[in-house]
Structures are given as C-alpha cells and as structure tokens.
Amino acid sequence: MTGAAGPAGRRAPDGPDGPFDPALAAAQEALVRAMTAGAPVPDGFDAAAVRAAAEGILRKRAGEVARAWPALAASYGADWPRAFAAWAAERPTRGSFRDGWDFARAHRDELSPEAALRLALVEAGWAYDGNGEPRRRRAAVRRVPGGVAVQLLGRVTVLGRGTRR
C-alpha cells in the first residue's frame, strides 16, 4: 500500500477510491472550518451554499445546547437560536455541554435566576478552565441566587433556598 506524504512526513495510506490527495484533504478541511468555525469560504465553493450550511449547523448546535442546558435556552426565549449563533459562529464546537457552559460563562450577567443556579451548580461539581476537559471536584462552594451551593464528594446541597440537589 502506498500513499502521499502526510503530516510530519508520514505516508498516508491509500483509500478505497485511490491514493491520498493532500490538496483535496486541505480543501475539505478548509470547507469544514468555514462551515463550523467562521473561517473564510475556500476558493471553488459556492459562498451562499456554505453560509447556508453553516447556519444550519449553528441552529443544530443551538438545539443541542438547549437540550443540555434548558434553563439557559429559556433565559433567551425565542431569541435563543440567534443569541447562541451570534456567539458560536466563530467557535468550533466542544460538545453541547461545554458549548453551553462556555456560553453561560460569557453571558453570566444576563442569565435568568434558573440558568444562573444551573451554572453555579455545575461549577460547584466540576472544575473547568474553559480550555481543558472538565474534572469532577471533591469539594466546592458557589454563590447561587438566594443562597450558596455546597458540593462535597459529588453531593450538592443548596443552602438558603430550602432546595436540595
């Protein structure tokens, strides 16, 4: 099996349809970046079609984040898809949970009390710097609307609201 030189000089294997084409792979990568991360539309592609595909992907991402973070989406009501798309247009997805978390952190001052509570509870249970993978916390205390959330060994209790989570 032969192939063209790939990254770091390694040879990419031939595919089922013939030899690996680095130019085609680069064009495909540029197209994906244009549709998912706000990169420029590569030469040879219909810009309107690429923008339409990108808008569809953003709507899908907004729906997935709304399922993972329903209180967050409810904070924005009917404006949720537009608000999320405006924020996410130049950000590649990191998965619906992290996309929602990143959005909520960026818009912390605009959240409804329910969404702010959800964000605080998530941050009480997980350590996340916005870059790496979230990690479970052993213990944490976070302010929440009307009280504080205390998390110890995976169990979160909200004090001051009379609610246990």
N, C-alpha and C. Protein backbone atom coordinates (compact mmCIF):
# COMPACT_ATOMS: atom_id res chain seq x y z
N MET A 1 0.85 -1.17 0.00
CA MET A 1 0.00 0.00 0.00
C MET A 1 0.89 1.23 0.00
N THR A 2 0.62 2.16 -0.89
CA THR A 2 1.40 3.39 -0.96
C THR A 2 0.52 4.56 -0.62
N GLY A 3 1.13 5.70 -0.46
CA GLY A 3 0.36 6.91 -0.16
C GLY A 3 1.24 8.12 -0.28
N ALA A 4 0.63 9.30 -0.26
CA ALA A 4 1.36 10.55 -0.32
C ALA A 4 1.86 10.91 1.07
N ALA A 5 2.90 11.72 1.13
CA ALA A 5 3.43 12.15 2.42
C ALA A 5 2.41 13.01 3.14
N GLY A 6 2.14 12.68 4.38
CA GLY A 6 1.19 13.42 5.21
C GLY A 6 1.93 14.27 6.22
N PRO A 7 1.26 14.65 7.33
CA PRO A 7 1.89 15.45 8.36
C PRO A 7 3.13 14.77 8.90
N ALA A 8 4.12 15.55 9.20
CA ALA A 8 5.39 15.07 9.77
C ALA A 8 6.07 14.05 8.88
N GLY A 9 5.81 14.11 7.57
CA GLY A 9 6.50 13.24 6.64
C GLY A 9 5.97 11.82 6.60
N ARG A 10 4.97 11.48 7.42
CA ARG A 10 4.42 10.13 7.38
C ARG A 10 3.64 9.96 6.09
N ARG A 11 3.57 8.76 5.64
CA ARG A 11 2.81 8.48 4.42
C ARG A 11 1.40 8.07 4.79
N ALA A 12 0.45 8.75 4.17
CA ALA A 12 -0.95 8.42 4.40
C ALA A 12 -1.31 7.23 3.54
N PRO A 13 -2.08 6.31 4.06
CA PRO A 13 -2.45 5.14 3.27
C PRO A 13 -3.41 5.52 2.15
N ASP A 14 -3.36 4.75 1.10
CA ASP A 14 -4.33 4.94 0.03
C ASP A 14 -5.71 4.57 0.57
N GLY A 15 -6.71 5.27 0.06
CA GLY A 15 -8.07 4.99 0.46
C GLY A 15 -8.69 3.97 -0.47
N PRO A 16 -9.95 3.62 -0.24
CA PRO A 16 -10.61 2.63 -1.09
C PRO A 16 -10.83 3.16 -2.51
N ASP A 17 -10.79 4.48 -2.69
CA ASP A 17 -11.02 5.06 -4.01
C ASP A 17 -9.74 5.52 -4.69
N GLY A 18 -8.60 5.17 -4.14
CA GLY A 18 -7.35 5.56 -4.78
C GLY A 18 -6.40 6.22 -3.80
N PRO A 19 -5.33 6.83 -4.35
CA PRO A 19 -4.30 7.41 -3.49
C PRO A 19 -4.81 8.63 -2.72
N PHE A 20 -4.21 8.85 -1.58
CA PHE A 20 -4.50 10.01 -0.74
C PHE A 20 -4.11 11.27 -1.50
N ASP A 21 -4.99 12.27 -1.51
CA ASP A 21 -4.73 13.53 -2.21
C ASP A 21 -4.63 14.65 -1.17
N PRO A 22 -3.42 15.12 -0.84
CA PRO A 22 -3.27 16.14 0.18
C PRO A 22 -3.98 17.45 -0.17
N ALA A 23 -4.06 17.81 -1.45
CA ALA A 23 -4.75 19.04 -1.85
C ALA A 23 -6.25 18.92 -1.57
N LEU A 24 -6.82 17.77 -1.87
CA LEU A 24 -8.23 17.55 -1.59
C LEU A 24 -8.48 17.56 -0.09
N ALA A 25 -7.62 16.94 0.67
CA ALA A 25 -7.76 16.92 2.13
C ALA A 25 -7.70 18.34 2.69
N ALA A 26 -6.81 19.17 2.19
CA ALA A 26 -6.70 20.56 2.65
C ALA A 26 -7.96 21.34 2.29
N ALA A 27 -8.50 21.14 1.09
CA ALA A 27 -9.73 21.82 0.68
C ALA A 27 -10.90 21.39 1.55
N GLN A 28 -10.97 20.11 1.87
CA GLN A 28 -12.05 19.61 2.73
C GLN A 28 -11.94 20.20 4.14
N GLU A 29 -10.72 20.26 4.65
CA GLU A 29 -10.52 20.84 5.98
C GLU A 29 -10.92 22.31 5.99
N ALA A 30 -10.54 23.06 4.94
CA ALA A 30 -10.91 24.47 4.85
C ALA A 30 -12.42 24.64 4.77
N LEU A 31 -13.08 23.75 4.05
CA LEU A 31 -14.54 23.80 3.94
C LEU A 31 -15.20 23.55 5.30
N VAL A 32 -14.72 22.56 6.01
CA VAL A 32 -15.28 22.26 7.34
C VAL A 32 -15.06 23.45 8.27
N ARG A 33 -13.88 24.05 8.24
CA ARG A 33 -13.62 25.23 9.09
C ARG A 33 -14.55 26.39 8.72
N ALA A 34 -14.82 26.56 7.44
CA ALA A 34 -15.73 27.63 7.00
C ALA A 34 -17.15 27.39 7.51
N MET A 35 -17.56 26.13 7.57
CA MET A 35 -18.92 25.82 8.00
C MET A 35 -19.07 25.76 9.51
N THR A 36 -17.98 25.50 10.25
CA THR A 36 -18.12 25.27 11.68
C THR A 36 -17.37 26.26 12.56
N ALA A 37 -16.46 27.04 12.01
CA ALA A 37 -15.65 27.91 12.87
C ALA A 37 -15.47 29.32 12.30
N GLY A 38 -16.29 29.71 11.33
CA GLY A 38 -16.23 31.07 10.82
C GLY A 38 -15.05 31.40 9.93
N ALA A 39 -14.34 30.39 9.46
CA ALA A 39 -13.20 30.63 8.57
C ALA A 39 -13.70 31.08 7.20
N PRO A 40 -12.84 31.71 6.40
CA PRO A 40 -13.27 32.13 5.06
C PRO A 40 -13.66 30.94 4.19
N VAL A 41 -14.58 31.19 3.26
CA VAL A 41 -15.00 30.15 2.33
C VAL A 41 -13.85 29.91 1.35
N PRO A 42 -13.41 28.67 1.20
CA PRO A 42 -12.29 28.40 0.29
C PRO A 42 -12.67 28.61 -1.17
N ASP A 43 -11.68 28.92 -1.98
CA ASP A 43 -11.89 29.10 -3.42
C ASP A 43 -12.54 27.86 -4.01
N GLY A 44 -13.43 28.09 -4.96
CA GLY A 44 -14.06 27.00 -5.67
C GLY A 44 -15.36 26.51 -5.06
N PHE A 45 -15.77 27.10 -3.93
CA PHE A 45 -17.02 26.69 -3.29
C PHE A 45 -18.02 27.82 -3.37
N ASP A 46 -19.29 27.49 -3.46
CA ASP A 46 -20.37 28.45 -3.51
C ASP A 46 -20.55 29.07 -2.12
N ALA A 47 -20.20 30.34 -1.98
CA ALA A 47 -20.23 31.01 -0.68
C ALA A 47 -21.62 31.00 -0.06
N ALA A 48 -22.66 31.21 -0.87
CA ALA A 48 -24.02 31.21 -0.32
C ALA A 48 -24.39 29.83 0.21
N ALA A 49 -24.02 28.79 -0.50
CA ALA A 49 -24.33 27.42 -0.04
C ALA A 49 -23.55 27.09 1.23
N VAL A 50 -22.31 27.53 1.31
CA VAL A 50 -21.51 27.27 2.51
C VAL A 50 -22.10 28.03 3.69
N ARG A 51 -22.51 29.29 3.49
CA ARG A 51 -23.14 30.06 4.57
C ARG A 51 -24.44 29.40 5.02
N ALA A 52 -25.23 28.90 4.09
CA ALA A 52 -26.49 28.23 4.44
C ALA A 52 -26.20 26.98 5.27
N ALA A 53 -25.20 26.22 4.88
CA ALA A 53 -24.83 25.03 5.64
C ALA A 53 -24.35 25.42 7.04
N ALA A 54 -23.55 26.49 7.13
CA ALA A 54 -23.04 26.95 8.43
C ALA A 54 -24.19 27.38 9.33
N GLU A 55 -25.19 28.07 8.76
CA GLU A 55 -26.35 28.50 9.55
C GLU A 55 -27.14 27.28 10.05
N GLY A 56 -27.26 26.27 9.22
CA GLY A 56 -27.94 25.04 9.65
C GLY A 56 -27.20 24.35 10.77
N ILE A 57 -25.88 24.33 10.68
CA ILE A 57 -25.06 23.72 11.73
C ILE A 57 -25.22 24.50 13.03
N LEU A 58 -25.23 25.83 12.95
CA LEU A 58 -25.40 26.65 14.16
C LEU A 58 -26.78 26.43 14.79
N ARG A 59 -27.83 26.30 13.97
CA ARG A 59 -29.17 26.01 14.51
C ARG A 59 -29.17 24.66 15.23
N LYS A 60 -28.51 23.68 14.61
CA LYS A 60 -28.45 22.35 15.23
C LYS A 60 -27.69 22.43 16.56
N ARG A 61 -26.56 23.14 16.57
CA ARG A 61 -25.80 23.29 17.81
C ARG A 61 -26.65 23.97 18.88
N ALA A 62 -27.40 25.01 18.50
CA ALA A 62 -28.25 25.72 19.47
C ALA A 62 -29.28 24.77 20.06
N GLY A 63 -29.86 23.91 19.23
CA GLY A 63 -30.83 22.93 19.72
C GLY A 63 -30.19 21.92 20.66
N GLU A 64 -28.99 21.47 20.34
CA GLU A 64 -28.30 20.51 21.21
C GLU A 64 -27.94 21.14 22.55
N VAL A 65 -27.47 22.40 22.52
CA VAL A 65 -27.16 23.09 23.77
C VAL A 65 -28.43 23.33 24.58
N ALA A 66 -29.53 23.66 23.91
CA ALA A 66 -30.80 23.85 24.62
C ALA A 66 -31.23 22.58 25.33
N ARG A 67 -30.97 21.42 24.74
CA ARG A 67 -31.32 20.15 25.40
C ARG A 67 -30.41 19.89 26.60
N ALA A 68 -29.14 20.27 26.50
CA ALA A 68 -28.20 20.07 27.60
C ALA A 68 -28.37 21.12 28.70
N TRP A 69 -28.78 22.32 28.34
CA TRP A 69 -28.92 23.45 29.25
C TRP A 69 -30.29 24.11 29.05
N PRO A 70 -31.40 23.45 29.38
CA PRO A 70 -32.72 24.02 29.09
C PRO A 70 -32.98 25.36 29.77
N ALA A 71 -32.50 25.55 30.99
CA ALA A 71 -32.73 26.83 31.68
C ALA A 71 -31.97 27.96 30.98
N LEU A 72 -30.83 27.65 30.42
CA LEU A 72 -30.05 28.65 29.68
C LEU A 72 -30.82 29.10 28.44
N ALA A 73 -31.30 28.15 27.66
CA ALA A 73 -32.06 28.50 26.47
C ALA A 73 -33.34 29.24 26.85
N ALA A 74 -33.99 28.83 27.93
CA ALA A 74 -35.21 29.50 28.38
C ALA A 74 -34.94 30.95 28.78
N SER A 75 -33.71 31.25 29.23
CA SER A 75 -33.35 32.62 29.58
C SER A 75 -33.51 33.56 28.40
N TYR A 76 -33.34 33.04 27.20
CA TYR A 76 -33.38 33.85 25.99
C TYR A 76 -34.68 33.69 25.22
N GLY A 77 -35.51 32.74 25.60
CA GLY A 77 -36.78 32.52 24.93
C GLY A 77 -36.61 32.28 23.44
N ALA A 78 -37.46 32.92 22.64
CA ALA A 78 -37.43 32.74 21.19
C ALA A 78 -36.15 33.27 20.56
N ASP A 79 -35.43 34.12 21.28
CA ASP A 79 -34.18 34.69 20.76
C ASP A 79 -32.99 33.75 20.94
N TRP A 80 -33.20 32.60 21.61
CA TRP A 80 -32.09 31.69 21.89
C TRP A 80 -31.29 31.30 20.65
N PRO A 81 -31.90 30.80 19.57
CA PRO A 81 -31.08 30.38 18.43
C PRO A 81 -30.20 31.51 17.87
N ARG A 82 -30.76 32.72 17.80
CA ARG A 82 -29.98 33.85 17.28
C ARG A 82 -28.85 34.23 18.24
N ALA A 83 -29.16 34.30 19.54
CA ALA A 83 -28.14 34.67 20.52
C ALA A 83 -27.00 33.65 20.54
N PHE A 84 -27.36 32.37 20.54
CA PHE A 84 -26.32 31.35 20.55
C PHE A 84 -25.51 31.38 19.26
N ALA A 85 -26.19 31.50 18.12
CA ALA A 85 -25.48 31.51 16.83
C ALA A 85 -24.52 32.68 16.73
N ALA A 86 -24.92 33.85 17.23
CA ALA A 86 -24.03 35.01 17.19
C ALA A 86 -22.76 34.75 17.99
N TRP A 87 -22.90 34.08 19.13
CA TRP A 87 -21.75 33.77 19.97
C TRP A 87 -20.91 32.64 19.38
N ALA A 88 -21.56 31.63 18.82
CA ALA A 88 -20.87 30.41 18.40
C ALA A 88 -20.31 30.46 16.98
N ALA A 89 -20.68 31.47 16.20
CA ALA A 89 -20.35 31.49 14.77
C ALA A 89 -18.86 31.29 14.48
N GLU A 90 -18.00 31.79 15.31
CA GLU A 90 -16.57 31.67 15.06
C GLU A 90 -15.88 30.76 16.07
N ARG A 91 -16.67 29.93 16.73
CA ARG A 91 -16.11 29.00 17.71
C ARG A 91 -16.43 27.57 17.29
N PRO A 92 -15.44 26.75 17.11
CA PRO A 92 -15.75 25.35 16.82
C PRO A 92 -16.42 24.71 18.03
N THR A 93 -17.26 23.72 17.78
CA THR A 93 -17.97 23.08 18.87
C THR A 93 -17.02 22.30 19.77
N ARG A 94 -17.38 22.27 21.03
CA ARG A 94 -16.64 21.47 22.01
C ARG A 94 -17.60 20.48 22.65
N GLY A 95 -18.75 20.29 22.00
CA GLY A 95 -19.80 19.44 22.53
C GLY A 95 -20.85 20.31 23.19
N SER A 96 -22.07 19.83 23.23
CA SER A 96 -23.18 20.67 23.70
C SER A 96 -23.04 21.08 25.17
N PHE A 97 -22.52 20.20 26.01
CA PHE A 97 -22.36 20.55 27.42
C PHE A 97 -21.36 21.68 27.58
N ARG A 98 -20.18 21.54 26.96
CA ARG A 98 -19.16 22.58 27.08
C ARG A 98 -19.54 23.85 26.32
N ASP A 99 -20.20 23.71 25.17
CA ASP A 99 -20.65 24.91 24.45
C ASP A 99 -21.63 25.71 25.33
N GLY A 100 -22.55 25.02 25.97
CA GLY A 100 -23.49 25.70 26.86
C GLY A 100 -22.81 26.33 28.04
N TRP A 101 -21.86 25.61 28.60
CA TRP A 101 -21.12 26.12 29.76
C TRP A 101 -20.34 27.37 29.36
N ASP A 102 -19.65 27.30 28.24
CA ASP A 102 -18.87 28.46 27.77
C ASP A 102 -19.79 29.65 27.49
N PHE A 103 -20.93 29.41 26.85
CA PHE A 103 -21.89 30.47 26.57
C PHE A 103 -22.39 31.08 27.88
N ALA A 104 -22.78 30.23 28.83
CA ALA A 104 -23.31 30.72 30.11
C ALA A 104 -22.27 31.55 30.84
N ARG A 105 -21.03 31.13 30.82
CA ARG A 105 -19.98 31.89 31.49
C ARG A 105 -19.77 33.24 30.82
N ALA A 106 -19.85 33.27 29.49
CA ALA A 106 -19.66 34.52 28.76
C ALA A 106 -20.82 35.49 28.96
N HIS A 107 -22.00 34.97 29.32
CA HIS A 107 -23.20 35.79 29.46
C HIS A 107 -23.76 35.73 30.88
N ARG A 108 -22.91 35.48 31.84
CA ARG A 108 -23.30 35.28 33.24
C ARG A 108 -24.24 36.38 33.76
N ASP A 109 -23.98 37.63 33.41
CA ASP A 109 -24.77 38.75 33.92
C ASP A 109 -26.16 38.84 33.29
N GLU A 110 -26.40 38.12 32.21
CA GLU A 110 -27.68 38.18 31.51
C GLU A 110 -28.60 37.00 31.83
N LEU A 111 -28.14 36.05 32.64
CA LEU A 111 -28.89 34.82 32.86
C LEU A 111 -30.07 35.01 33.79
N SER A 112 -31.11 34.23 33.54
CA SER A 112 -32.24 34.19 34.46
C SER A 112 -31.77 33.55 35.77
N PRO A 113 -32.51 33.72 36.86
CA PRO A 113 -32.11 33.07 38.11
C PRO A 113 -31.98 31.54 37.97
N GLU A 114 -32.86 30.91 37.18
CA GLU A 114 -32.79 29.46 37.00
C GLU A 114 -31.51 29.05 36.26
N ALA A 115 -31.17 29.80 35.23
CA ALA A 115 -29.94 29.49 34.47
C ALA A 115 -28.70 29.78 35.31
N ALA A 116 -28.74 30.87 36.10
CA ALA A 116 -27.61 31.19 36.98
C ALA A 116 -27.43 30.09 38.03
N LEU A 117 -28.54 29.58 38.54
CA LEU A 117 -28.47 28.47 39.50
C LEU A 117 -27.86 27.24 38.85
N ARG A 118 -28.31 26.90 37.67
CA ARG A 118 -27.76 25.72 36.97
C ARG A 118 -26.27 25.88 36.74
N LEU A 119 -25.84 27.06 36.30
CA LEU A 119 -24.41 27.31 36.09
C LEU A 119 -23.64 27.16 37.40
N ALA A 120 -24.16 27.73 38.48
CA ALA A 120 -23.48 27.63 39.77
C ALA A 120 -23.38 26.18 40.24
N LEU A 121 -24.45 25.42 40.05
CA LEU A 121 -24.42 24.01 40.46
C LEU A 121 -23.42 23.21 39.64
N VAL A 122 -23.36 23.47 38.36
CA VAL A 122 -22.38 22.78 37.51
C VAL A 122 -20.97 23.16 37.94
N GLU A 123 -20.75 24.44 38.21
CA GLU A 123 -19.41 24.88 38.60
C GLU A 123 -19.04 24.42 40.00
N ALA A 124 -20.03 24.12 40.84
CA ALA A 124 -19.74 23.55 42.15
C ALA A 124 -19.27 22.10 42.02
N GLY A 125 -19.77 21.41 41.03
CA GLY A 125 -19.43 20.00 40.87
C GLY A 125 -18.26 19.72 39.95
N TRP A 126 -17.91 20.68 39.11
CA TRP A 126 -16.88 20.45 38.10
C TRP A 126 -15.88 21.59 38.06
N ALA A 127 -14.62 21.27 37.87
CA ALA A 127 -13.56 22.25 37.63
C ALA A 127 -13.35 22.34 36.13
N TYR A 128 -13.37 23.55 35.61
CA TYR A 128 -13.24 23.75 34.16
C TYR A 128 -12.68 25.14 33.93
N ASP A 129 -11.58 25.20 33.20
CA ASP A 129 -10.93 26.49 32.94
C ASP A 129 -11.30 27.09 31.60
N GLY A 130 -12.21 26.47 30.88
CA GLY A 130 -12.60 26.96 29.56
C GLY A 130 -11.75 26.40 28.44
N ASN A 131 -10.73 25.65 28.78
CA ASN A 131 -9.85 25.07 27.76
C ASN A 131 -9.79 23.55 27.83
N GLY A 132 -9.36 23.03 28.95
CA GLY A 132 -9.20 21.59 29.09
C GLY A 132 -10.53 20.89 29.36
N GLU A 133 -10.44 19.61 29.57
CA GLU A 133 -11.62 18.81 29.89
C GLU A 133 -12.09 19.12 31.31
N PRO A 134 -13.40 19.21 31.53
CA PRO A 134 -13.92 19.39 32.90
C PRO A 134 -13.52 18.20 33.78
N ARG A 135 -13.23 18.49 35.05
CA ARG A 135 -12.88 17.45 36.02
C ARG A 135 -13.79 17.57 37.24
N ARG A 136 -14.20 16.44 37.79
CA ARG A 136 -15.04 16.44 38.99
C ARG A 136 -14.28 17.09 40.14
N ARG A 137 -14.99 17.90 40.91
CA ARG A 137 -14.41 18.48 42.13
C ARG A 137 -14.74 17.57 43.31
N ARG A 138 -13.87 17.56 44.29
CA ARG A 138 -14.17 16.84 45.53
C ARG A 138 -15.01 17.70 46.45
N ALA A 139 -14.73 19.02 46.46
CA ALA A 139 -15.48 19.93 47.32
C ALA A 139 -15.47 21.32 46.69
N ALA A 140 -16.57 22.06 46.88
CA ALA A 140 -16.64 23.43 46.38
C ALA A 140 -17.83 24.13 47.00
N VAL A 141 -17.75 25.45 47.02
CA VAL A 141 -18.85 26.30 47.46
C VAL A 141 -19.02 27.37 46.39
N ARG A 142 -20.27 27.60 45.96
CA ARG A 142 -20.57 28.61 44.94
C ARG A 142 -21.80 29.39 45.36
N ARG A 143 -21.78 30.70 45.10
CA ARG A 143 -22.98 31.51 45.32
C ARG A 143 -24.00 31.15 44.26
N VAL A 144 -25.23 31.09 44.69
CA VAL A 144 -26.36 30.87 43.79
C VAL A 144 -27.43 31.90 44.15
N PRO A 145 -28.35 32.17 43.25
CA PRO A 145 -29.42 33.11 43.60
C PRO A 145 -30.14 32.66 44.86
N GLY A 146 -30.09 33.48 45.90
CA GLY A 146 -30.79 33.19 47.14
C GLY A 146 -30.04 32.31 48.11
N GLY A 147 -28.77 32.01 47.87
CA GLY A 147 -28.03 31.16 48.81
C GLY A 147 -26.68 30.75 48.30
N VAL A 148 -26.23 29.60 48.77
CA VAL A 148 -24.96 29.03 48.33
C VAL A 148 -25.13 27.55 48.04
N ALA A 149 -24.36 27.06 47.09
CA ALA A 149 -24.33 25.63 46.79
C ALA A 149 -23.06 25.06 47.38
N VAL A 150 -23.20 24.00 48.14
CA VAL A 150 -22.05 23.33 48.74
C VAL A 150 -21.99 21.94 48.13
N GLN A 151 -20.83 21.61 47.57
CA GLN A 151 -20.65 20.30 46.94
C GLN A 151 -19.55 19.58 47.69
N LEU A 152 -19.83 18.39 48.14
CA LEU A 152 -18.85 17.58 48.84
C LEU A 152 -18.97 16.14 48.35
N LEU A 153 -17.92 15.65 47.74
CA LEU A 153 -17.85 14.27 47.25
C LEU A 153 -19.03 13.90 46.35
N GLY A 154 -19.38 14.82 45.44
CA GLY A 154 -20.40 14.54 44.45
C GLY A 154 -21.82 14.88 44.86
N ARG A 155 -22.03 15.25 46.10
CA ARG A 155 -23.38 15.61 46.57
C ARG A 155 -23.45 17.12 46.72
N VAL A 156 -24.42 17.73 46.05
CA VAL A 156 -24.59 19.18 46.09
C VAL A 156 -25.82 19.52 46.92
N THR A 157 -25.64 20.43 47.88
CA THR A 157 -26.73 20.93 48.70
C THR A 157 -26.78 22.43 48.53
N VAL A 158 -27.98 22.97 48.32
CA VAL A 158 -28.17 24.41 48.20
C VAL A 158 -28.69 24.90 49.54
N LEU A 159 -27.96 25.80 50.17
CA LEU A 159 -28.35 26.36 51.46
C LEU A 159 -28.96 27.75 51.23
N GLY A 160 -30.04 28.02 51.93
CA GLY A 160 -30.68 29.31 51.83
C GLY A 160 -31.87 29.33 50.88
N ARG A 161 -32.06 28.26 50.13
CA ARG A 161 -33.21 28.18 49.22
C ARG A 161 -34.17 27.07 49.64
N GLY A 162 -33.75 26.25 50.59
CA GLY A 162 -34.60 25.16 51.03
C GLY A 162 -34.69 24.04 49.99
N THR A 163 -33.75 24.03 49.03
CA THR A 163 -33.77 23.04 47.96
C THR A 163 -32.50 22.21 48.02
N ARG A 164 -32.65 20.92 47.86
CA ARG A 164 -31.50 20.03 47.85
C ARG A 164 -31.37 19.46 46.45
N ARG A 165 -30.18 19.47 45.90
CA ARG A 165 -29.96 18.97 44.54
C ARG A 165 -28.94 17.87 44.53
